Amino acid sequence: MPDPSFYAQQAAQQARQQAQQQAQQAHQHAMRAHQQAVQHALRHGHRPPPPPAPTAYRRSRGGGLVSFLFVVVVVVVLARDTALRESVLGSIQHLLALMERG
């Protein structure tokens, strides 16, 4: 009788394969939809739509960091310790300057 971990490994491998197939199908569907939109636009004399942005980069442009910094600023501004407030606000300004430089 096989080891129970063998069944778990098989199930995990099947789940990975199914997820990969679903991701490939979704990508192919999106690419076909984009190609159809481009062809439709060109047939009717319009500009084609821009190429789709990579999914991985859509929401990762500092959204989490900016939200976190906003919460920290609110907490620090409401804090009564002025030395702490100045220290944290200075650090945040430094981080924002680094982010703006790229």
PDB file of N, CA and C in Angstrom:
ATOM      1  N   MET A   1       0.848  -1.179   0.000  1.00  0.00           N
ATOM      2  CA  MET A   1       0.000   0.000   0.000  1.00  0.00           C
ATOM      3  C   MET A   1       0.894   1.243   0.000  1.00  0.00           C
ATOM      4  N   PRO A   2       0.633   2.170  -0.917  1.00  0.00           N
ATOM      5  CA  PRO A   2       1.476   3.373  -0.993  1.00  0.00           C
ATOM      6  C   PRO A   2       1.346   4.249   0.250  1.00  0.00           C
ATOM      7  N   ASP A   3       2.373   5.012   0.449  1.00  0.00           N
ATOM      8  CA  ASP A   3       2.443   5.942   1.570  1.00  0.00           C
ATOM      9  C   ASP A   3       1.405   7.059   1.378  1.00  0.00           C
ATOM     10  N   PRO A   4       0.732   7.525   2.448  1.00  0.00           N
ATOM     11  CA  PRO A   4      -0.240   8.621   2.304  1.00  0.00           C
ATOM     12  C   PRO A   4       0.386   9.895   1.729  1.00  0.00           C
ATOM     13  N   SER A   5       1.667  10.112   2.004  1.00  0.00           N
ATOM     14  CA  SER A   5       2.304  11.311   1.453  1.00  0.00           C
ATOM     15  C   SER A   5       2.412  11.217  -0.066  1.00  0.00           C
ATOM     16  N   PHE A   6       2.467   9.989  -0.594  1.00  0.00           N
ATOM     17  CA  PHE A   6       2.499   9.801  -2.045  1.00  0.00           C
ATOM     18  C   PHE A   6       1.212  10.335  -2.666  1.00  0.00           C
ATOM     19  N   TYR A   7       0.071  10.024  -2.034  1.00  0.00           N
ATOM     20  CA  TYR A   7      -1.209  10.526  -2.532  1.00  0.00           C
ATOM     21  C   TYR A   7      -1.276  12.053  -2.442  1.00  0.00           C
ATOM     22  N   ALA A   8      -0.743  12.585  -1.371  1.00  0.00           N
ATOM     23  CA  ALA A   8      -0.732  14.040  -1.213  1.00  0.00           C
ATOM     24  C   ALA A   8       0.129  14.687  -2.286  1.00  0.00           C
ATOM     25  N   GLN A   9       1.281  14.090  -2.571  1.00  0.00           N
ATOM     26  CA  GLN A   9       2.144  14.629  -3.621  1.00  0.00           C
ATOM     27  C   GLN A   9       1.459  14.559  -4.978  1.00  0.00           C
ATOM     28  N   GLN A  10       0.771  13.441  -5.241  1.00  0.00           N
ATOM     29  CA  GLN A  10       0.057  13.304  -6.512  1.00  0.00           C
ATOM     30  C   GLN A  10      -1.043  14.350  -6.634  1.00  0.00           C
ATOM     31  N   ALA A  11      -1.791  14.546  -5.567  1.00  0.00           N
ATOM     32  CA  ALA A  11      -2.877  15.530  -5.579  1.00  0.00           C
ATOM     33  C   ALA A  11      -2.326  16.936  -5.784  1.00  0.00           C
ATOM     34  N   ALA A  12      -1.218  17.248  -5.132  1.00  0.00           N
ATOM     35  CA  ALA A  12      -0.606  18.571  -5.290  1.00  0.00           C
ATOM     36  C   ALA A  12      -0.115  18.769  -6.719  1.00  0.00           C
ATOM     37  N   GLN A  13       0.472  17.723  -7.300  1.00  0.00           N
ATOM     38  CA  GLN A  13       0.964  17.821  -8.672  1.00  0.00           C
ATOM     39  C   GLN A  13      -0.200  18.025  -9.641  1.00  0.00           C
ATOM     40  N   GLN A  14      -1.291  17.309  -9.432  1.00  0.00           N
ATOM     41  CA  GLN A  14      -2.462  17.483 -10.290  1.00  0.00           C
ATOM     42  C   GLN A  14      -3.037  18.886 -10.155  1.00  0.00           C
ATOM     43  N   ALA A  15      -3.081  19.398  -8.937  1.00  0.00           N
ATOM     44  CA  ALA A  15      -3.595  20.750  -8.714  1.00  0.00           C
ATOM     45  C   ALA A  15      -2.719  21.777  -9.420  1.00  0.00           C
ATOM     46  N   ARG A  16      -1.390  21.589  -9.351  1.00  0.00           N
ATOM     47  CA  ARG A  16      -0.479  22.508 -10.042  1.00  0.00           C
ATOM     48  C   ARG A  16      -0.703  22.463 -11.548  1.00  0.00           C
ATOM     49  N   GLN A  17      -0.843  21.251 -12.085  1.00  0.00           N
ATOM     50  CA  GLN A  17      -1.051  21.111 -13.526  1.00  0.00           C
ATOM     51  C   GLN A  17      -2.365  21.748 -13.960  1.00  0.00           C
ATOM     52  N   GLN A  18      -3.415  21.553 -13.175  1.00  0.00           N
ATOM     53  CA  GLN A  18      -4.703  22.157 -13.512  1.00  0.00           C
ATOM     54  C   GLN A  18      -4.627  23.676 -13.452  1.00  0.00           C
ATOM     55  N   ALA A  19      -3.961  24.204 -12.440  1.00  0.00           N
ATOM     56  CA  ALA A  19      -3.817  25.654 -12.322  1.00  0.00           C
ATOM     57  C   ALA A  19      -3.021  26.211 -13.494  1.00  0.00           C
ATOM     58  N   GLN A  20      -1.974  25.492 -13.891  1.00  0.00           N
ATOM     59  CA  GLN A  20      -1.165  25.937 -15.020  1.00  0.00           C
ATOM     60  C   GLN A  20      -1.986  25.914 -16.311  1.00  0.00           C
ATOM     61  N   GLN A  21      -2.780  24.871 -16.511  1.00  0.00           N
ATOM     62  CA  GLN A  21      -3.627  24.793 -17.701  1.00  0.00           C
ATOM     63  C   GLN A  21      -4.652  25.919 -17.715  1.00  0.00           C
ATOM     64  N   GLN A  22      -5.249  26.201 -16.568  1.00  0.00           N
ATOM     65  CA  GLN A  22      -6.236  27.275 -16.493  1.00  0.00           C
ATOM     66  C   GLN A  22      -5.592  28.623 -16.782  1.00  0.00           C
ATOM     67  N   ALA A  23      -4.385  28.836 -16.272  1.00  0.00           N
ATOM     68  CA  ALA A  23      -3.681  30.094 -16.531  1.00  0.00           C
ATOM     69  C   ALA A  23      -3.349  30.227 -18.013  1.00  0.00           C
ATOM     70  N   GLN A  24      -2.913  29.136 -18.636  1.00  0.00           N
ATOM     71  CA  GLN A  24      -2.605  29.174 -20.067  1.00  0.00           C
ATOM     72  C   GLN A  24      -3.860  29.455 -20.886  1.00  0.00           C
ATOM     73  N   GLN A  25      -4.968  28.827 -20.518  1.00  0.00           N
ATOM     74  CA  GLN A  25      -6.216  29.057 -21.241  1.00  0.00           C
ATOM     75  C   GLN A  25      -6.687  30.498 -21.082  1.00  0.00           C
ATOM     76  N   ALA A  26      -6.570  31.040 -19.887  1.00  0.00           N
ATOM     77  CA  ALA A  26      -6.966  32.431 -19.654  1.00  0.00           C
ATOM     78  C   ALA A  26      -6.094  33.374 -20.473  1.00  0.00           C
ATOM     79  N   HIS A  27      -4.805  33.088 -20.531  1.00  0.00           N
ATOM     80  CA  HIS A  27      -3.890  33.921 -21.313  1.00  0.00           C
ATOM     81  C   HIS A  27      -4.238  33.848 -22.799  1.00  0.00           C
ATOM     82  N   GLN A  28      -4.475  32.641 -23.297  1.00  0.00           N
ATOM     83  CA  GLN A  28      -4.827  32.485 -24.707  1.00  0.00           C
ATOM     84  C   GLN A  28      -6.133  33.201 -25.025  1.00  0.00           C
ATOM     85  N   HIS A  29      -7.100  33.106 -24.125  1.00  0.00           N
ATOM     86  CA  HIS A  29      -8.376  33.789 -24.327  1.00  0.00           C
ATOM     87  C   HIS A  29      -8.173  35.306 -24.375  1.00  0.00           C
ATOM     88  N   ALA A  30      -7.378  35.834 -23.471  1.00  0.00           N
ATOM     89  CA  ALA A  30      -7.118  37.277 -23.445  1.00  0.00           C
ATOM     90  C   ALA A  30      -6.396  37.724 -24.708  1.00  0.00           C
ATOM     91  N   MET A  31      -5.441  36.934 -25.160  1.00  0.00           N
ATOM     92  CA  MET A  31      -4.706  37.292 -26.377  1.00  0.00           C
ATOM     93  C   MET A  31      -5.633  37.269 -27.596  1.00  0.00           C
ATOM     94  N   ARG A  32      -6.509  36.256 -27.679  1.00  0.00           N
ATOM     95  CA  ARG A  32      -7.460  36.198 -28.798  1.00  0.00           C
ATOM     96  C   ARG A  32      -8.408  37.389 -28.766  1.00  0.00           C
ATOM     97  N   ALA A  33      -8.890  37.737 -27.581  1.00  0.00           N
ATOM     98  CA  ALA A  33      -9.796  38.879 -27.451  1.00  0.00           C
ATOM     99  C   ALA A  33      -9.102  40.162 -27.880  1.00  0.00           C
ATOM    100  N   HIS A  34      -7.849  40.323 -27.508  1.00  0.00           N
ATOM    101  CA  HIS A  34      -7.101  41.521 -27.893  1.00  0.00           C
ATOM    102  C   HIS A  34      -6.891  41.557 -29.407  1.00  0.00           C
ATOM    103  N   GLN A  35      -6.530  40.422 -29.993  1.00  0.00           N
ATOM    104  CA  GLN A  35      -6.325  40.377 -31.442  1.00  0.00           C
ATOM    105  C   GLN A  35      -7.618  40.698 -32.184  1.00  0.00           C
ATOM    106  N   GLN A  36      -8.736  40.202 -31.694  1.00  0.00           N
ATOM    107  CA  GLN A  36     -10.019  40.509 -32.320  1.00  0.00           C
ATOM    108  C   GLN A  36     -10.343  41.993 -32.200  1.00  0.00           C
ATOM    109  N   ALA A  37     -10.043  42.587 -31.055  1.00  0.00           N
ATOM    110  CA  ALA A  37     -10.292  44.018 -30.869  1.00  0.00           C
ATOM    111  C   ALA A  37      -9.424  44.843 -31.808  1.00  0.00           C
ATOM    112  N   VAL A  38      -8.180  44.441 -31.990  1.00  0.00           N
ATOM    113  CA  VAL A  38      -7.280  45.151 -32.907  1.00  0.00           C
ATOM    114  C   VAL A  38      -7.812  45.043 -34.330  1.00  0.00           C
ATOM    115  N   GLN A  39      -8.192  43.843 -34.744  1.00  0.00           N
ATOM    116  CA  GLN A  39      -8.711  43.656 -36.100  1.00  0.00           C
ATOM    117  C   GLN A  39      -9.988  44.462 -36.313  1.00  0.00           C
ATOM    118  N   HIS A  40     -10.863  44.471 -35.336  1.00  0.00           N
ATOM    119  CA  HIS A  40     -12.106  45.235 -35.438  1.00  0.00           C
ATOM    120  C   HIS A  40     -11.810  46.731 -35.569  1.00  0.00           C
ATOM    121  N   ALA A  41     -10.894  47.218 -34.755  1.00  0.00           N
ATOM    122  CA  ALA A  41     -10.550  48.643 -34.798  1.00  0.00           C
ATOM    123  C   ALA A  41      -9.957  49.014 -36.149  1.00  0.00           C
ATOM    124  N   LEU A  42      -9.074  48.192 -36.668  1.00  0.00           N
ATOM    125  CA  LEU A  42      -8.447  48.491 -37.951  1.00  0.00           C
ATOM    126  C   LEU A  42      -9.464  48.421 -39.090  1.00  0.00           C
ATOM    127  N   ARG A  43     -10.390  47.472 -39.023  1.00  0.00           N
ATOM    128  CA  ARG A  43     -11.413  47.358 -40.070  1.00  0.00           C
ATOM    129  C   ARG A  43     -12.306  48.583 -40.114  1.00  0.00           C
ATOM    130  N   HIS A  44     -12.558  49.184 -38.964  1.00  0.00           N
ATOM    131  CA  HIS A  44     -13.476  50.314 -38.892  1.00  0.00           C
ATOM    132  C   HIS A  44     -12.754  51.658 -38.833  1.00  0.00           C
ATOM    133  N   GLY A  45     -11.471  51.670 -39.118  1.00  0.00           N
ATOM    134  CA  GLY A  45     -10.730  52.925 -39.216  1.00  0.00           C
ATOM    135  C   GLY A  45     -10.382  53.579 -37.898  1.00  0.00           C
ATOM    136  N   HIS A  46     -10.338  52.822 -36.838  1.00  0.00           N
ATOM    137  CA  HIS A  46      -9.976  53.382 -35.529  1.00  0.00           C
ATOM    138  C   HIS A  46      -8.559  52.970 -35.167  1.00  0.00           C
ATOM    139  N   ARG A  47      -8.041  53.643 -34.156  1.00  0.00           N
ATOM    140  CA  ARG A  47      -6.742  53.212 -33.624  1.00  0.00           C
ATOM    141  C   ARG A  47      -6.919  51.904 -32.884  1.00  0.00           C
ATOM    142  N   PRO A  48      -5.955  51.013 -32.988  1.00  0.00           N
ATOM    143  CA  PRO A  48      -6.067  49.764 -32.225  1.00  0.00           C
ATOM    144  C   PRO A  48      -5.873  50.027 -30.733  1.00  0.00           C
ATOM    145  N   PRO A  49      -6.475  49.202 -29.892  1.00  0.00           N
ATOM    146  CA  PRO A  49      -6.289  49.379 -28.448  1.00  0.00           C
ATOM    147  C   PRO A  49      -4.851  49.082 -28.053  1.00  0.00           C
ATOM    148  N   PRO A  50      -4.397  49.656 -26.951  1.00  0.00           N
ATOM    149  CA  PRO A  50      -3.020  49.385 -26.513  1.00  0.00           C
ATOM    150  C   PRO A  50      -2.882  47.933 -26.084  1.00  0.00           C
ATOM    151  N   PRO A  51      -1.672  47.411 -26.145  1.00  0.00           N
ATOM    152  CA  PRO A  51      -1.478  46.024 -25.711  1.00  0.00           C
ATOM    153  C   PRO A  51      -1.769  45.893 -24.221  1.00  0.00           C
ATOM    154  N   PRO A  52      -2.268  44.737 -23.813  1.00  0.00           N
ATOM    155  CA  PRO A  52      -2.588  44.565 -22.391  1.00  0.00           C
ATOM    156  C   PRO A  52      -1.333  44.597 -21.535  1.00  0.00           C
ATOM    157  N   ALA A  53      -1.468  45.203 -20.370  1.00  0.00           N
ATOM    158  CA  ALA A  53      -0.337  45.272 -19.437  1.00  0.00           C
ATOM    159  C   ALA A  53      -0.159  43.913 -18.771  1.00  0.00           C
ATOM    160  N   PRO A  54       1.057  43.562 -18.422  1.00  0.00           N
ATOM    161  CA  PRO A  54       1.264  42.295 -17.710  1.00  0.00           C
ATOM    162  C   PRO A  54       0.495  42.294 -16.394  1.00  0.00           C
ATOM    163  N   THR A  55      -0.147  41.200 -16.097  1.00  0.00           N
ATOM    164  CA  THR A  55      -0.979  41.103 -14.896  1.00  0.00           C
ATOM    165  C   THR A  55      -0.167  41.309 -13.624  1.00  0.00           C
ATOM    166  N   ALA A  56       1.065  40.832 -13.624  1.00  0.00           N
ATOM    167  CA  ALA A  56       1.865  40.888 -12.407  1.00  0.00           C
ATOM    168  C   ALA A  56       2.194  42.315 -11.997  1.00  0.00           C
ATOM    169  N   TYR A  57       2.180  43.265 -12.922  1.00  0.00           N
ATOM    170  CA  TYR A  57       2.603  44.617 -12.598  1.00  0.00           C
ATOM    171  C   TYR A  57       1.453  45.593 -12.438  1.00  0.00           C
ATOM    172  N   ARG A  58       0.230  45.144 -12.533  1.00  0.00           N
ATOM    173  CA  ARG A  58      -0.885  46.083 -12.499  1.00  0.00           C
ATOM    174  C   ARG A  58      -1.065  46.759 -11.152  1.00  0.00           C
ATOM    175  N   ARG A  59      -0.972  46.016 -10.073  1.00  0.00           N
ATOM    176  CA  ARG A  59      -1.258  46.607  -8.769  1.00  0.00           C
ATOM    177  C   ARG A  59      -0.032  46.731  -7.892  1.00  0.00           C
ATOM    178  N   SER A  60       1.116  46.410  -8.410  1.00  0.00           N
ATOM    179  CA  SER A  60       2.292  46.394  -7.547  1.00  0.00           C
ATOM    180  C   SER A  60       3.150  47.641  -7.702  1.00  0.00           C
ATOM    181  N   ARG A  61       2.571  48.760  -8.016  1.00  0.00           N
ATOM    182  CA  ARG A  61       3.342  49.989  -8.179  1.00  0.00           C
ATOM    183  C   ARG A  61       3.401  50.788  -6.888  1.00  0.00           C
ATOM    184  N   GLY A  62       3.694  50.162  -5.797  1.00  0.00           N
ATOM    185  CA  GLY A  62       3.848  50.884  -4.541  1.00  0.00           C
ATOM    186  C   GLY A  62       2.543  51.115  -3.810  1.00  0.00           C
ATOM    187  N   GLY A  63       1.460  50.499  -4.243  1.00  0.00           N
ATOM    188  CA  GLY A  63       0.168  50.702  -3.604  1.00  0.00           C
ATOM    189  C   GLY A  63       0.174  50.291  -2.148  1.00  0.00           C
ATOM    190  N   GLY A  64       0.778  49.163  -1.838  1.00  0.00           N
ATOM    191  CA  GLY A  64       0.840  48.708  -0.460  1.00  0.00           C
ATOM    192  C   GLY A  64       1.733  49.581   0.387  1.00  0.00           C
ATOM    193  N   LEU A  65       2.850  50.000  -0.173  1.00  0.00           N
ATOM    194  CA  LEU A  65       3.782  50.851   0.561  1.00  0.00           C
ATOM    195  C   LEU A  65       3.170  52.218   0.829  1.00  0.00           C
ATOM    196  N   VAL A  66       2.508  52.778  -0.161  1.00  0.00           N
ATOM    197  CA  VAL A  66       1.900  54.096   0.017  1.00  0.00           C
ATOM    198  C   VAL A  66       0.802  54.030   1.073  1.00  0.00           C
ATOM    199  N   SER A  67      -0.006  52.989   1.037  1.00  0.00           N
ATOM    200  CA  SER A  67      -1.061  52.838   2.049  1.00  0.00           C
ATOM    201  C   SER A  67      -0.460  52.706   3.444  1.00  0.00           C
ATOM    202  N   PHE A  68       0.598  51.907   3.546  1.00  0.00           N
ATOM    203  CA  PHE A  68       1.262  51.725   4.835  1.00  0.00           C
ATOM    204  C   PHE A  68       1.830  53.051   5.337  1.00  0.00           C
ATOM    205  N   LEU A  69       2.492  53.788   4.460  1.00  0.00           N
ATOM    206  CA  LEU A  69       3.065  55.071   4.873  1.00  0.00           C
ATOM    207  C   LEU A  69       1.972  56.048   5.296  1.00  0.00           C
ATOM    208  N   PHE A  70       0.844  56.021   4.621  1.00  0.00           N
ATOM    209  CA  PHE A  70      -0.257  56.903   4.992  1.00  0.00           C
ATOM    210  C   PHE A  70      -0.745  56.587   6.403  1.00  0.00           C
ATOM    211  N   VAL A  71      -0.903  55.317   6.711  1.00  0.00           N
ATOM    212  CA  VAL A  71      -1.344  54.921   8.052  1.00  0.00           C
ATOM    213  C   VAL A  71      -0.314  55.345   9.094  1.00  0.00           C
ATOM    214  N   VAL A  72       0.967  55.150   8.795  1.00  0.00           N
ATOM    215  CA  VAL A  72       2.022  55.541   9.733  1.00  0.00           C
ATOM    216  C   VAL A  72       1.990  57.048   9.962  1.00  0.00           C
ATOM    217  N   VAL A  73       1.816  57.821   8.889  1.00  0.00           N
ATOM    218  CA  VAL A  73       1.771  59.285   9.032  1.00  0.00           C
ATOM    219  C   VAL A  73       0.602  59.691   9.918  1.00  0.00           C
ATOM    220  N   VAL A  74      -0.557  59.108   9.707  1.00  0.00           N
ATOM    221  CA  VAL A  74      -1.724  59.464  10.521  1.00  0.00           C
ATOM    222  C   VAL A  74      -1.479  59.135  11.987  1.00  0.00           C
ATOM    223  N   VAL A  75      -0.928  57.964  12.261  1.00  0.00           N
ATOM    224  CA  VAL A  75      -0.668  57.570  13.652  1.00  0.00           C
ATOM    225  C   VAL A  75       0.362  58.490  14.287  1.00  0.00           C
ATOM    226  N   VAL A  76       1.413  58.809  13.539  1.00  0.00           N
ATOM    227  CA  VAL A  76       2.477  59.647  14.095  1.00  0.00           C
ATOM    228  C   VAL A  76       1.999  61.073  14.307  1.00  0.00           C
ATOM    229  N   VAL A  77       1.212  61.591  13.368  1.00  0.00           N
ATOM    230  CA  VAL A  77       0.710  62.958  13.531  1.00  0.00           C
ATOM    231  C   VAL A  77      -0.192  63.046  14.760  1.00  0.00           C
ATOM    232  N   LEU A  78      -0.938  61.993  15.006  1.00  0.00           N
ATOM    233  CA  LEU A  78      -1.807  61.999  16.178  1.00  0.00           C
ATOM    234  C   LEU A  78      -1.052  61.702  17.473  1.00  0.00           C
ATOM    235  N   ALA A  79       0.190  61.254  17.359  1.00  0.00           N
ATOM    236  CA  ALA A  79       0.990  60.969  18.557  1.00  0.00           C
ATOM    237  C   ALA A  79       1.342  62.274  19.258  1.00  0.00           C
ATOM    238  N   ARG A  80       1.528  62.186  20.559  1.00  0.00           N
ATOM    239  CA  ARG A  80       1.818  63.391  21.337  1.00  0.00           C
ATOM    240  C   ARG A  80       3.310  63.664  21.468  1.00  0.00           C
ATOM    241  N   ASP A  81       4.136  62.657  21.199  1.00  0.00           N
ATOM    242  CA  ASP A  81       5.580  62.808  21.333  1.00  0.00           C
ATOM    243  C   ASP A  81       6.126  63.505  20.082  1.00  0.00           C
ATOM    244  N   THR A  82       6.586  64.736  20.228  1.00  0.00           N
ATOM    245  CA  THR A  82       7.047  65.504  19.067  1.00  0.00           C
ATOM    246  C   THR A  82       8.351  64.956  18.498  1.00  0.00           C
ATOM    247  N   ALA A  83       9.230  64.431  19.347  1.00  0.00           N
ATOM    248  CA  ALA A  83      10.490  63.877  18.842  1.00  0.00           C
ATOM    249  C   ALA A  83      10.214  62.654  17.961  1.00  0.00           C
ATOM    250  N   LEU A  84       9.318  61.799  18.397  1.00  0.00           N
ATOM    251  CA  LEU A  84       8.936  60.630  17.600  1.00  0.00           C
ATOM    252  C   LEU A  84       8.300  61.079  16.286  1.00  0.00           C
ATOM    253  N   ARG A  85       7.428  62.054  16.362  1.00  0.00           N
ATOM    254  CA  ARG A  85       6.744  62.554  15.176  1.00  0.00           C
ATOM    255  C   ARG A  85       7.749  63.079  14.155  1.00  0.00           C
ATOM    256  N   GLU A  86       8.694  63.892  14.599  1.00  0.00           N
ATOM    257  CA  GLU A  86       9.690  64.458  13.676  1.00  0.00           C
ATOM    258  C   GLU A  86      10.589  63.374  13.097  1.00  0.00           C
ATOM    259  N   SER A  87      10.965  62.416  13.914  1.00  0.00           N
ATOM    260  CA  SER A  87      11.832  61.336  13.450  1.00  0.00           C
ATOM    261  C   SER A  87      11.148  60.494  12.370  1.00  0.00           C
ATOM    262  N   VAL A  88       9.914  60.091  12.631  1.00  0.00           N
ATOM    263  CA  VAL A  88       9.201  59.240  11.669  1.00  0.00           C
ATOM    264  C   VAL A  88       8.873  60.011  10.398  1.00  0.00           C
ATOM    265  N   LEU A  89       8.425  61.247  10.527  1.00  0.00           N
ATOM    266  CA  LEU A  89       8.116  62.032   9.333  1.00  0.00           C
ATOM    267  C   LEU A  89       9.366  62.279   8.493  1.00  0.00           C
ATOM    268  N   GLY A  90      10.507  62.487   9.140  1.00  0.00           N
ATOM    269  CA  GLY A  90      11.761  62.637   8.392  1.00  0.00           C
ATOM    270  C   GLY A  90      12.132  61.370   7.649  1.00  0.00           C
ATOM    271  N   SER A  91      11.948  60.231   8.297  1.00  0.00           N
ATOM    272  CA  SER A  91      12.238  58.950   7.636  1.00  0.00           C
ATOM    273  C   SER A  91      11.317  58.722   6.447  1.00  0.00           C
ATOM    274  N   ILE A  92      10.053  59.074   6.599  1.00  0.00           N
ATOM    275  CA  ILE A  92       9.101  58.891   5.502  1.00  0.00           C
ATOM    276  C   ILE A  92       9.441  59.816   4.342  1.00  0.00           C
ATOM    277  N   GLN A  93       9.820  61.048   4.635  1.00  0.00           N
ATOM    278  CA  GLN A  93      10.216  61.966   3.566  1.00  0.00           C
ATOM    279  C   GLN A  93      11.436  61.433   2.831  1.00  0.00           C
ATOM    280  N   HIS A  94      12.362  60.851   3.570  1.00  0.00           N
ATOM    281  CA  HIS A  94      13.549  60.263   2.944  1.00  0.00           C
ATOM    282  C   HIS A  94      13.155  59.104   2.029  1.00  0.00           C
ATOM    283  N   LEU A  95      12.260  58.224   2.501  1.00  0.00           N
ATOM    284  CA  LEU A  95      11.800  57.101   1.678  1.00  0.00           C
ATOM    285  C   LEU A  95      11.081  57.585   0.425  1.00  0.00           C
ATOM    286  N   LEU A  96      10.242  58.593   0.568  1.00  0.00           N
ATOM    287  CA  LEU A  96       9.535  59.121  -0.597  1.00  0.00           C
ATOM    288  C   LEU A  96      10.504  59.734  -1.600  1.00  0.00           C
ATOM    289  N   ALA A  97      11.535  60.405  -1.112  1.00  0.00           N
ATOM    290  CA  ALA A  97      12.542  60.968  -2.019  1.00  0.00           C
ATOM    291  C   ALA A  97      13.264  59.858  -2.775  1.00  0.00           C
ATOM    292  N   LEU A  98      13.571  58.760  -2.080  1.00  0.00           N
ATOM    293  CA  LEU A  98      14.214  57.623  -2.748  1.00  0.00           C
ATOM    294  C   LEU A  98      13.293  57.004  -3.794  1.00  0.00           C
ATOM    295  N   MET A  99      12.005  56.913  -3.484  1.00  0.00           N
ATOM    296  CA  MET A  99      11.048  56.340  -4.439  1.00  0.00           C
ATOM    297  C   MET A  99      10.910  57.225  -5.673  1.00  0.00           C
ATOM    298  N   GLU A 100      10.924  58.532  -5.491  1.00  0.00           N
ATOM    299  CA  GLU A 100      10.784  59.446  -6.628  1.00  0.00           C
ATOM    300  C   GLU A 100      11.992  59.384  -7.549  1.00  0.00           C
ATOM    301  N   ARG A 101      13.166  59.172  -6.978  1.00  0.00           N
ATOM    302  CA  ARG A 101      14.375  59.073  -7.805  1.00  0.00           C
ATOM    303  C   ARG A 101      14.368  57.813  -8.657  1.00  0.00           C
ATOM    304  N   GLY A 102      13.657  56.799  -8.185  1.00  0.00           N
ATOM    305  CA  GLY A 102      13.515  55.597  -9.000  1.00  0.00           C
ATOM    306  C   GLY A 102      14.364  54.500  -8.557  1.00  0.00           C
TER     307      GLY A 102
END
